[in-house]
Each structure stands twice: as C-alpha cells, then as structure tokens.
PDB file of N, CA and C in Angstrom:
ATOM      1  N   MET A   1      93.393  50.766  29.279  1.00  0.00           N
ATOM      2  CA  MET A   1      93.580  50.717  30.704  1.00  0.00           C
ATOM      3  C   MET A   1      94.527  51.835  31.124  1.00  0.00           C
ATOM      4  N   ILE A   2      94.364  52.292  32.346  1.00  0.00           N
ATOM      5  CA  ILE A   2      95.183  53.407  32.813  1.00  0.00           C
ATOM      6  C   ILE A   2      96.635  52.975  33.035  1.00  0.00           C
ATOM      7  N   SER A   3      97.494  53.945  32.977  1.00  0.00           N
ATOM      8  CA  SER A   3      98.926  53.722  33.162  1.00  0.00           C
ATOM      9  C   SER A   3      99.383  54.407  34.448  1.00  0.00           C
ATOM     10  N   ILE A   4     100.612  54.126  34.822  1.00  0.00           N
ATOM     11  CA  ILE A   4     101.202  54.801  35.983  1.00  0.00           C
ATOM     12  C   ILE A   4     101.253  56.310  35.727  1.00  0.00           C
ATOM     13  N   GLU A   5     101.508  56.706  34.495  1.00  0.00           N
ATOM     14  CA  GLU A   5     101.543  58.128  34.154  1.00  0.00           C
ATOM     15  C   GLU A   5     100.166  58.769  34.371  1.00  0.00           C
ATOM     16  N   ASP A   6      99.107  58.048  34.005  1.00  0.00           N
ATOM     17  CA  ASP A   6      97.752  58.552  34.239  1.00  0.00           C
ATOM     18  C   ASP A   6      97.497  58.754  35.733  1.00  0.00           C
ATOM     19  N   ILE A   7      97.932  57.796  36.535  1.00  0.00           N
ATOM     20  CA  ILE A   7      97.739  57.907  37.984  1.00  0.00           C
ATOM     21  C   ILE A   7      98.558  59.070  38.533  1.00  0.00           C
ATOM     22  N   ARG A   8      99.813  59.191  38.084  1.00  0.00           N
ATOM     23  CA  ARG A   8     100.646  60.324  38.527  1.00  0.00           C
ATOM     24  C   ARG A   8      99.977  61.647  38.197  1.00  0.00           C
ATOM     25  N   ASN A   9      99.467  61.790  36.983  1.00  0.00           N
ATOM     26  CA  ASN A   9      98.796  63.037  36.595  1.00  0.00           C
ATOM     27  C   ASN A   9      97.563  63.283  37.454  1.00  0.00           C
ATOM     28  N   ASN A  10      96.782  62.248  37.685  1.00  0.00           N
ATOM     29  CA  ASN A  10      95.570  62.394  38.476  1.00  0.00           C
ATOM     30  C   ASN A  10      95.871  62.781  39.924  1.00  0.00           C
ATOM     31  N   CYS A  11      96.946  62.230  40.466  1.00  0.00           N
ATOM     32  CA  CYS A  11      97.329  62.522  41.856  1.00  0.00           C
ATOM     33  C   CYS A  11      98.250  63.732  41.973  1.00  0.00           C
ATOM     34  N   ARG A  12      98.570  64.321  40.847  1.00  0.00           N
ATOM     35  CA  ARG A  12      99.470  65.487  40.797  1.00  0.00           C
ATOM     36  C   ARG A  12     100.844  65.177  41.395  1.00  0.00           C
ATOM     37  N   ILE A  13     101.393  64.051  40.944  1.00  0.00           N
ATOM     38  CA  ILE A  13     102.722  63.625  41.353  1.00  0.00           C
ATOM     39  C   ILE A  13     103.668  63.971  40.215  1.00  0.00           C
ATOM     40  N   ASP A  14     104.736  64.701  40.520  1.00  0.00           N
ATOM     41  CA  ASP A  14     105.623  65.227  39.483  1.00  0.00           C
ATOM     42  C   ASP A  14     106.805  64.340  39.115  1.00  0.00           C
ATOM     43  N   ASP A  15     107.044  63.266  39.855  1.00  0.00           N
ATOM     44  CA  ASP A  15     108.197  62.414  39.546  1.00  0.00           C
ATOM     45  C   ASP A  15     107.798  60.951  39.705  1.00  0.00           C
ATOM     46  N   ASP A  16     108.767  60.072  39.483  1.00  0.00           N
ATOM     47  CA  ASP A  16     108.468  58.643  39.525  1.00  0.00           C
ATOM     48  C   ASP A  16     108.866  57.984  40.846  1.00  0.00           C
ATOM     49  N   SER A  17     109.099  58.779  41.884  1.00  0.00           N
ATOM     50  CA  SER A  17     109.584  58.233  43.153  1.00  0.00           C
ATOM     51  C   SER A  17     108.572  57.329  43.859  1.00  0.00           C
ATOM     52  N   GLU A  18     107.303  57.440  43.527  1.00  0.00           N
ATOM     53  CA  GLU A  18     106.286  56.615  44.183  1.00  0.00           C
ATOM     54  C   GLU A  18     105.652  55.598  43.224  1.00  0.00           C
ATOM     55  N   ASP A  19     106.312  55.335  42.124  1.00  0.00           N
ATOM     56  CA  ASP A  19     105.754  54.419  41.128  1.00  0.00           C
ATOM     57  C   ASP A  19     105.521  53.011  41.669  1.00  0.00           C
ATOM     58  N   ASP A  20     106.413  52.519  42.527  1.00  0.00           N
ATOM     59  CA  ASP A  20     106.204  51.177  43.086  1.00  0.00           C
ATOM     60  C   ASP A  20     104.904  51.124  43.876  1.00  0.00           C
ATOM     61  N   LEU A  21     104.645  52.145  44.668  1.00  0.00           N
ATOM     62  CA  LEU A  21     103.398  52.225  45.428  1.00  0.00           C
ATOM     63  C   LEU A  21     102.199  52.341  44.485  1.00  0.00           C
ATOM     64  N   LEU A  22     102.324  53.157  43.467  1.00  0.00           N
ATOM     65  CA  LEU A  22     101.227  53.324  42.510  1.00  0.00           C
ATOM     66  C   LEU A  22     100.927  52.031  41.760  1.00  0.00           C
ATOM     67  N   ARG A  23     101.949  51.237  41.488  1.00  0.00           N
ATOM     68  CA  ARG A  23     101.725  49.934  40.833  1.00  0.00           C
ATOM     69  C   ARG A  23     100.916  49.000  41.738  1.00  0.00           C
ATOM     70  N   ILE A  24     101.184  49.055  43.032  1.00  0.00           N
ATOM     71  CA  ILE A  24     100.399  48.262  43.985  1.00  0.00           C
ATOM     72  C   ILE A  24      98.953  48.732  43.973  1.00  0.00           C
ATOM     73  N   TYR A  25      98.749  50.041  43.998  1.00  0.00           N
ATOM     74  CA  TYR A  25      97.385  50.578  43.952  1.00  0.00           C
ATOM     75  C   TYR A  25      96.672  50.203  42.657  1.00  0.00           C
ATOM     76  N   LEU A  26      97.384  50.256  41.543  1.00  0.00           N
ATOM     77  CA  LEU A  26      96.779  49.907  40.267  1.00  0.00           C
ATOM     78  C   LEU A  26      96.377  48.428  40.244  1.00  0.00           C
ATOM     79  N   ALA A  27      97.241  47.562  40.720  1.00  0.00           N
ATOM     80  CA  ALA A  27      96.911  46.129  40.758  1.00  0.00           C
ATOM     81  C   ALA A  27      95.712  45.886  41.676  1.00  0.00           C
ATOM     82  N   ALA A  28      95.672  46.571  42.810  1.00  0.00           N
ATOM     83  CA  ALA A  28      94.528  46.423  43.719  1.00  0.00           C
ATOM     84  C   ALA A  28      93.253  46.963  43.093  1.00  0.00           C
ATOM     85  N   ALA A  29      93.353  48.053  42.344  1.00  0.00           N
ATOM     86  CA  ALA A  29      92.172  48.606  41.663  1.00  0.00           C
ATOM     87  C   ALA A  29      91.666  47.636  40.606  1.00  0.00           C
ATOM     88  N   GLN A  30      92.574  47.008  39.875  1.00  0.00           N
ATOM     89  CA  GLN A  30      92.167  46.008  38.882  1.00  0.00           C
ATOM     90  C   GLN A  30      91.451  44.842  39.574  1.00  0.00           C
ATOM     91  N   ASP A  31      91.990  44.397  40.684  1.00  0.00           N
ATOM     92  CA  ASP A  31      91.332  43.319  41.438  1.00  0.00           C
ATOM     93  C   ASP A  31      89.957  43.752  41.938  1.00  0.00           C
ATOM     94  N   ALA A  32      89.845  44.982  42.428  1.00  0.00           N
ATOM     95  CA  ALA A  32      88.568  45.480  42.935  1.00  0.00           C
ATOM     96  C   ALA A  32      87.518  45.547  41.825  1.00  0.00           C
ATOM     97  N   VAL A  33      87.927  45.989  40.647  1.00  0.00           N
ATOM     98  CA  VAL A  33      87.007  46.046  39.502  1.00  0.00           C
ATOM     99  C   VAL A  33      86.526  44.642  39.152  1.00  0.00           C
ATOM    100  N   LYS A  34      87.447  43.700  39.124  1.00  0.00           N
ATOM    101  CA  LYS A  34      87.092  42.314  38.803  1.00  0.00           C
ATOM    102  C   LYS A  34      86.136  41.745  39.853  1.00  0.00           C
ATOM    103  N   GLN A  35      86.438  41.971  41.119  1.00  0.00           N
ATOM    104  CA  GLN A  35      85.591  41.446  42.193  1.00  0.00           C
ATOM    105  C   GLN A  35      84.216  42.097  42.196  1.00  0.00           C
ATOM    106  N   PHE A  36      84.167  43.405  42.012  1.00  0.00           N
ATOM    107  CA  PHE A  36      82.888  44.116  42.059  1.00  0.00           C
ATOM    108  C   PHE A  36      81.981  43.735  40.902  1.00  0.00           C
ATOM    109  N   THR A  37      82.567  43.596  39.728  1.00  0.00           N
ATOM    110  CA  THR A  37      81.752  43.318  38.540  1.00  0.00           C
ATOM    111  C   THR A  37      81.536  41.833  38.294  1.00  0.00           C
ATOM    112  N   GLY A  38      82.404  40.993  38.830  1.00  0.00           N
ATOM    113  CA  GLY A  38      82.313  39.564  38.562  1.00  0.00           C
ATOM    114  C   GLY A  38      82.794  39.194  37.169  1.00  0.00           C
ATOM    115  N   ARG A  39      83.562  40.079  36.558  1.00  0.00           N
ATOM    116  CA  ARG A  39      84.042  39.870  35.186  1.00  0.00           C
ATOM    117  C   ARG A  39      85.572  39.908  35.137  1.00  0.00           C
ATOM    118  N   ASN A  40      86.117  39.274  34.118  1.00  0.00           N
ATOM    119  CA  ASN A  40      87.523  39.459  33.778  1.00  0.00           C
ATOM    120  C   ASN A  40      87.603  40.635  32.817  1.00  0.00           C
ATOM    121  N   TRP A  41      88.649  41.434  32.962  1.00  0.00           N
ATOM    122  CA  TRP A  41      88.824  42.623  32.123  1.00  0.00           C
ATOM    123  C   TRP A  41      90.104  42.492  31.324  1.00  0.00           C
ATOM    124  N   TYR A  42      90.044  42.941  30.084  1.00  0.00           N
ATOM    125  CA  TYR A  42      91.156  42.777  29.148  1.00  0.00           C
ATOM    126  C   TYR A  42      91.489  44.111  28.490  1.00  0.00           C
ATOM    127  N   GLU A  43      92.762  44.240  28.136  1.00  0.00           N
ATOM    128  CA  GLU A  43      93.207  45.483  27.492  1.00  0.00           C
ATOM    129  C   GLU A  43      92.923  45.505  25.997  1.00  0.00           C
ATOM    130  N   ASN A  44      93.124  44.387  25.309  1.00  0.00           N
ATOM    131  CA  ASN A  44      93.061  44.399  23.847  1.00  0.00           C
ATOM    132  C   ASN A  44      91.977  43.526  23.250  1.00  0.00           C
ATOM    133  N   GLU A  45      91.819  42.319  23.762  1.00  0.00           N
ATOM    134  CA  GLU A  45      90.889  41.380  23.153  1.00  0.00           C
ATOM    135  C   GLU A  45      90.354  40.428  24.213  1.00  0.00           C
ATOM    136  N   VAL A  46      89.057  40.189  24.163  1.00  0.00           N
ATOM    137  CA  VAL A  46      88.428  39.236  25.079  1.00  0.00           C
ATOM    138  C   VAL A  46      88.526  37.850  24.451  1.00  0.00           C
ATOM    139  N   PRO A  47      89.097  36.877  25.175  1.00  0.00           N
ATOM    140  CA  PRO A  47      89.180  35.531  24.606  1.00  0.00           C
ATOM    141  C   PRO A  47      87.797  34.934  24.357  1.00  0.00           C
ATOM    142  N   ASP A  48      87.685  34.128  23.333  1.00  0.00           N
ATOM    143  CA  ASP A  48      86.420  33.464  23.016  1.00  0.00           C
ATOM    144  C   ASP A  48      85.953  32.577  24.163  1.00  0.00           C
ATOM    145  N   THR A  49      86.880  32.147  24.997  1.00  0.00           N
ATOM    146  CA  THR A  49      86.549  31.257  26.114  1.00  0.00           C
ATOM    147  C   THR A  49      85.994  31.992  27.328  1.00  0.00           C
ATOM    148  N   ASP A  50      85.887  33.308  27.260  1.00  0.00           N
ATOM    149  CA  ASP A  50      85.393  34.107  28.391  1.00  0.00           C
ATOM    150  C   ASP A  50      84.140  34.876  27.969  1.00  0.00           C
ATOM    151  N   PRO A  51      82.971  34.268  28.076  1.00  0.00           N
ATOM    152  CA  PRO A  51      81.747  34.898  27.573  1.00  0.00           C
ATOM    153  C   PRO A  51      81.317  36.157  28.337  1.00  0.00           C
ATOM    154  N   THR A  52      81.807  36.342  29.546  1.00  0.00           N
ATOM    155  CA  THR A  52      81.430  37.548  30.298  1.00  0.00           C
ATOM    156  C   THR A  52      82.571  38.558  30.395  1.00  0.00           C
ATOM    157  N   GLY A  53      83.698  38.249  29.756  1.00  0.00           N
ATOM    158  CA  GLY A  53      84.837  39.165  29.777  1.00  0.00           C
ATOM    159  C   GLY A  53      84.530  40.450  29.016  1.00  0.00           C
ATOM    160  N   MET A  54      85.209  41.503  29.401  1.00  0.00           N
ATOM    161  CA  MET A  54      85.010  42.807  28.754  1.00  0.00           C
ATOM    162  C   MET A  54      86.347  43.502  28.575  1.00  0.00           C
ATOM    163  N   LEU A  55      86.366  44.451  27.642  1.00  0.00           N
ATOM    164  CA  LEU A  55      87.535  45.306  27.459  1.00  0.00           C
ATOM    165  C   LEU A  55      87.434  46.492  28.415  1.00  0.00           C
ATOM    166  N   TYR A  56      88.587  46.913  28.940  1.00  0.00           N
ATOM    167  CA  TYR A  56      88.606  48.135  29.738  1.00  0.00           C
ATOM    168  C   TYR A  56      88.021  49.257  28.896  1.00  0.00           C
ATOM    169  N   ASN A  57      87.274  50.153  29.535  1.00  0.00           N
ATOM    170  CA  ASN A  57      86.692  51.291  28.837  1.00  0.00           C
ATOM    171  C   ASN A  57      86.875  52.534  29.708  1.00  0.00           C
ATOM    172  N   ARG A  58      86.396  53.660  29.246  1.00  0.00           N
ATOM    173  CA  ARG A  58      86.615  54.917  29.964  1.00  0.00           C
ATOM    174  C   ARG A  58      85.987  54.926  31.355  1.00  0.00           C
ATOM    175  N   ALA A  59      84.810  54.311  31.501  1.00  0.00           N
ATOM    176  CA  ALA A  59      84.159  54.282  32.814  1.00  0.00           C
ATOM    177  C   ALA A  59      84.977  53.461  33.805  1.00  0.00           C
ATOM    178  N   VAL A  60      85.477  52.320  33.364  1.00  0.00           N
ATOM    179  CA  VAL A  60      86.290  51.470  34.226  1.00  0.00           C
ATOM    180  C   VAL A  60      87.621  52.160  34.534  1.00  0.00           C
ATOM    181  N   ASP A  61      88.207  52.793  33.528  1.00  0.00           N
ATOM    182  CA  ASP A  61      89.439  53.551  33.760  1.00  0.00           C
ATOM    183  C   ASP A  61      89.226  54.641  34.814  1.00  0.00           C
ATOM    184  N   MET A  62      88.122  55.362  34.703  1.00  0.00           N
ATOM    185  CA  MET A  62      87.826  56.419  35.664  1.00  0.00           C
ATOM    186  C   MET A  62      87.632  55.847  37.066  1.00  0.00           C
ATOM    187  N   ALA A  63      86.944  54.719  37.166  1.00  0.00           N
ATOM    188  CA  ALA A  63      86.752  54.067  38.468  1.00  0.00           C
ATOM    189  C   ALA A  63      88.110  53.710  39.077  1.00  0.00           C
ATOM    190  N   MET A  64      89.021  53.197  38.259  1.00  0.00           N
ATOM    191  CA  MET A  64      90.342  52.842  38.777  1.00  0.00           C
ATOM    192  C   MET A  64      91.145  54.084  39.160  1.00  0.00           C
ATOM    193  N   LEU A  65      90.984  55.170  38.411  1.00  0.00           N
ATOM    194  CA  LEU A  65      91.646  56.420  38.800  1.00  0.00           C
ATOM    195  C   LEU A  65      91.107  56.934  40.134  1.00  0.00           C
ATOM    196  N   LEU A  66      89.793  56.843  40.332  1.00  0.00           N
ATOM    197  CA  LEU A  66      89.209  57.258  41.610  1.00  0.00           C
ATOM    198  C   LEU A  66      89.759  56.426  42.765  1.00  0.00           C
ATOM    199  N   LEU A  67      89.829  55.119  42.567  1.00  0.00           N
ATOM    200  CA  LEU A  67      90.337  54.242  43.622  1.00  0.00           C
ATOM    201  C   LEU A  67      91.804  54.515  43.931  1.00  0.00           C
ATOM    202  N   THR A  68      92.638  54.588  42.898  1.00  0.00           N
ATOM    203  CA  THR A  68      94.065  54.782  43.135  1.00  0.00           C
ATOM    204  C   THR A  68      94.336  56.128  43.798  1.00  0.00           C
ATOM    205  N   ALA A  69      93.633  57.169  43.384  1.00  0.00           N
ATOM    206  CA  ALA A  69      93.817  58.486  44.006  1.00  0.00           C
ATOM    207  C   ALA A  69      93.346  58.463  45.461  1.00  0.00           C
ATOM    208  N   HIS A  70      92.236  57.794  45.705  1.00  0.00           N
ATOM    209  CA  HIS A  70      91.722  57.687  47.074  1.00  0.00           C
ATOM    210  C   HIS A  70      92.743  56.983  47.969  1.00  0.00           C
ATOM    211  N   TRP A  71      93.270  55.869  47.510  1.00  0.00           N
ATOM    212  CA  TRP A  71      94.243  55.135  48.315  1.00  0.00           C
ATOM    213  C   TRP A  71      95.535  55.921  48.481  1.00  0.00           C
ATOM    214  N   TYR A  72      95.922  56.682  47.477  1.00  0.00           N
ATOM    215  CA  TYR A  72      97.133  57.497  47.590  1.00  0.00           C
ATOM    216  C   TYR A  72      96.960  58.589  48.650  1.00  0.00           C
ATOM    217  N   LYS A  73      95.793  59.189  48.680  1.00  0.00           N
ATOM    218  CA  LYS A  73      95.539  60.304  49.597  1.00  0.00           C
ATOM    219  C   LYS A  73      95.099  59.852  50.986  1.00  0.00           C
ATOM    220  N   ASN A  74      94.613  58.638  51.124  1.00  0.00           N
ATOM    221  CA  ASN A  74      94.101  58.128  52.402  1.00  0.00           C
ATOM    222  C   ASN A  74      94.821  56.831  52.729  1.00  0.00           C
ATOM    223  N   ARG A  75      95.998  56.957  53.282  1.00  0.00           N
ATOM    224  CA  ARG A  75      96.841  55.781  53.511  1.00  0.00           C
ATOM    225  C   ARG A  75      96.575  55.105  54.856  1.00  0.00           C
ATOM    226  N   GLU A  76      95.726  55.684  55.667  1.00  0.00           N
ATOM    227  CA  GLU A  76      95.423  55.079  56.962  1.00  0.00           C
ATOM    228  C   GLU A  76      94.170  54.220  56.855  1.00  0.00           C
ATOM    229  N   ALA A  77      93.975  53.403  57.884  1.00  0.00           N
ATOM    230  CA  ALA A  77      92.743  52.621  57.962  1.00  0.00           C
ATOM    231  C   ALA A  77      91.572  53.560  58.199  1.00  0.00           C
ATOM    232  N   VAL A  78      90.401  53.130  57.795  1.00  0.00           N
ATOM    233  CA  VAL A  78      89.192  53.933  57.958  1.00  0.00           C
ATOM    234  C   VAL A  78      88.753  53.871  59.412  1.00  0.00           C
ATOM    235  N   SER A  79      88.335  55.004  59.935  1.00  0.00           N
ATOM    236  CA  SER A  79      87.811  55.060  61.294  1.00  0.00           C
ATOM    237  C   SER A  79      86.514  55.855  61.279  1.00  0.00           C
ATOM    238  N   ALA A  80      85.884  55.974  62.434  1.00  0.00           N
ATOM    239  CA  ALA A  80      84.650  56.751  62.520  1.00  0.00           C
ATOM    240  C   ALA A  80      84.905  58.205  62.148  1.00  0.00           C
ATOM    241  N   LEU A  81      86.102  58.696  62.418  1.00  0.00           N
ATOM    242  CA  LEU A  81      86.434  60.085  62.091  1.00  0.00           C
ATOM    243  C   LEU A  81      86.762  60.254  60.613  1.00  0.00           C
ATOM    244  N   ASN A  82      87.270  59.201  60.019  1.00  0.00           N
ATOM    245  CA  ASN A  82      87.635  59.238  58.597  1.00  0.00           C
ATOM    246  C   ASN A  82      86.809  58.177  57.887  1.00  0.00           C
ATOM    247  N   SER A  83      85.584  58.513  57.554  1.00  0.00           N
ATOM    248  CA  SER A  83      84.671  57.517  56.988  1.00  0.00           C
ATOM    249  C   SER A  83      84.726  57.454  55.472  1.00  0.00           C
ATOM    250  N   ALA A  84      85.758  57.991  54.872  1.00  0.00           N
ATOM    251  CA  ALA A  84      85.887  57.977  53.412  1.00  0.00           C
ATOM    252  C   ALA A  84      86.421  56.634  52.951  1.00  0.00           C
ATOM    253  N   TRP A  85      85.607  55.578  53.096  1.00  0.00           N
ATOM    254  CA  TRP A  85      86.054  54.230  52.755  1.00  0.00           C
ATOM    255  C   TRP A  85      86.413  54.130  51.280  1.00  0.00           C
ATOM    256  N   LEU A  86      85.500  54.501  50.423  1.00  0.00           N
ATOM    257  CA  LEU A  86      85.758  54.524  48.984  1.00  0.00           C
ATOM    258  C   LEU A  86      84.997  55.677  48.357  1.00  0.00           C
ATOM    259  N   PRO A  87      85.517  56.254  47.302  1.00  0.00           N
ATOM    260  CA  PRO A  87      84.775  57.314  46.628  1.00  0.00           C
ATOM    261  C   PRO A  87      83.473  56.775  46.027  1.00  0.00           C
ATOM    262  N   PHE A  88      82.396  57.485  46.221  1.00  0.00           N
ATOM    263  CA  PHE A  88      81.079  57.057  45.769  1.00  0.00           C
ATOM    264  C   PHE A  88      81.052  56.758  44.274  1.00  0.00           C
ATOM    265  N   GLY A  89      81.673  57.577  43.480  1.00  0.00           N
ATOM    266  CA  GLY A  89      81.575  57.464  42.028  1.00  0.00           C
ATOM    267  C   GLY A  89      82.089  56.168  41.454  1.00  0.00           C
ATOM    268  N   TRP A  90      82.987  55.487  42.140  1.00  0.00           N
ATOM    269  CA  TRP A  90      83.566  54.270  41.561  1.00  0.00           C
ATOM    270  C   TRP A  90      82.491  53.204  41.366  1.00  0.00           C
ATOM    271  N   ALA A  91      81.610  53.025  42.340  1.00  0.00           N
ATOM    272  CA  ALA A  91      80.537  52.029  42.205  1.00  0.00           C
ATOM    273  C   ALA A  91      79.533  52.457  41.138  1.00  0.00           C
ATOM    274  N   TYR A  92      79.246  53.737  41.063  1.00  0.00           N
ATOM    275  CA  TYR A  92      78.334  54.255  40.037  1.00  0.00           C
ATOM    276  C   TYR A  92      78.872  53.943  38.640  1.00  0.00           C
ATOM    277  N   LEU A  93      80.178  54.094  38.461  1.00  0.00           N
ATOM    278  CA  LEU A  93      80.796  53.842  37.168  1.00  0.00           C
ATOM    279  C   LEU A  93      80.815  52.356  36.813  1.00  0.00           C
ATOM    280  N   LEU A  94      80.950  51.497  37.816  1.00  0.00           N
ATOM    281  CA  LEU A  94      81.086  50.064  37.565  1.00  0.00           C
ATOM    282  C   LEU A  94      79.774  49.296  37.589  1.00  0.00           C
ATOM    283  N   GLN A  95      78.761  49.817  38.235  1.00  0.00           N
ATOM    284  CA  GLN A  95      77.514  49.088  38.414  1.00  0.00           C
ATOM    285  C   GLN A  95      76.902  48.597  37.105  1.00  0.00           C
ATOM    286  N   PRO A  96      76.935  49.360  36.022  1.00  0.00           N
ATOM    287  CA  PRO A  96      76.349  48.842  34.776  1.00  0.00           C
ATOM    288  C   PRO A  96      77.029  47.584  34.240  1.00  0.00           C
ATOM    289  N   TYR A  97      78.251  47.314  34.676  1.00  0.00           N
ATOM    290  CA  TYR A  97      79.002  46.163  34.187  1.00  0.00           C
ATOM    291  C   TYR A  97      78.960  44.982  35.155  1.00  0.00           C
ATOM    292  N   GLN A  98      78.286  45.168  36.269  1.00  0.00           N
ATOM    293  CA  GLN A  98      78.220  44.132  37.288  1.00  0.00           C
ATOM    294  C   GLN A  98      77.319  42.984  36.841  1.00  0.00           C
ATOM    295  N   ILE A  99      77.812  41.776  36.978  1.00  0.00           N
ATOM    296  CA  ILE A  99      77.004  40.604  36.651  1.00  0.00           C
ATOM    297  C   ILE A  99      76.034  40.378  37.803  1.00  0.00           C
ATOM    298  N   MET A 100      74.769  40.304  37.470  1.00  0.00           N
ATOM    299  CA  MET A 100      73.739  40.045  38.464  1.00  0.00           C
ATOM    300  C   MET A 100      73.306  38.597  38.313  1.00  0.00           C
ATOM    301  N   TRP A 101      73.602  37.805  39.297  1.00  0.00           N
ATOM    302  CA  TRP A 101      73.250  36.393  39.254  1.00  0.00           C
ATOM    303  C   TRP A 101      71.839  36.226  39.772  1.00  0.00           C
ATOM    304  N   GLY A 102      70.999  35.617  38.974  1.00  0.00           N
ATOM    305  CA  GLY A 102      69.598  35.403  39.347  1.00  0.00           C
ATOM    306  C   GLY A 102      69.448  34.266  40.337  1.00  0.00           C
ATOM    307  N   ASP A 103      68.345  34.263  41.040  1.00  0.00           N
ATOM    308  CA  ASP A 103      68.046  33.155  41.947  1.00  0.00           C
ATOM    309  C   ASP A 103      67.693  31.924  41.122  1.00  0.00           C
ATOM    310  N   SER A 104      68.267  30.809  41.453  1.00  0.00           N
ATOM    311  CA  SER A 104      67.980  29.585  40.706  1.00  0.00           C
ATOM    312  C   SER A 104      67.062  28.685  41.496  1.00  0.00           C
TER     313      SER A 104
END
C-alpha cells in the first residue's frame, strides 16, 4: 500500500508540512477503493473469514495515487467550469477488481 512519502513524491511536495492533509486523502482513497470494488483490502494477509478480500497491489496503489494527487491539486468543489471530478484512470485500474453482483 502507498505511504505518505509516496504521495509526497507523486505530488512533488518537498516537506512534511501537509502530511496531516495527505493522511486524510489517503484514508479517503482507501475508502473509495473499498466502496468502488465492494472488497476489503489488506496490506499483508487476507483473513480466511473474508472470501472476497484482496491484498493491495500496484494497480490499486496507482489508483490511490491518482485520487490523492487529484484531491491535493483540486481542493474546491466541482463545478461546470471545473469538471475534473475524478481522474479517468482510477476506475480503469480498479474495475477488474470490482465485485459484480448478479441478478437473483
């Protein structure tokens, strides 16, 4: 899973003065990944009790880097003039891991 240092490097931040903000973005990115995919994500080991759980991987890490950088650079609410709601690539990276619930 990505670290605050990874986010700082990606956003080209040279010091730790915004680490508290970056931690909020990282936690929100983790929540977004979980919500989008419908899965729990783990750093080291998936518990036997979680049959759909997965380990963080490079694609998920990249999706979280895209989200955190987007939120760092776009701190205002989205408007018609600023329609960059989310970077396109994040969904592309996460879609293969999304649980698709069939019609019952």
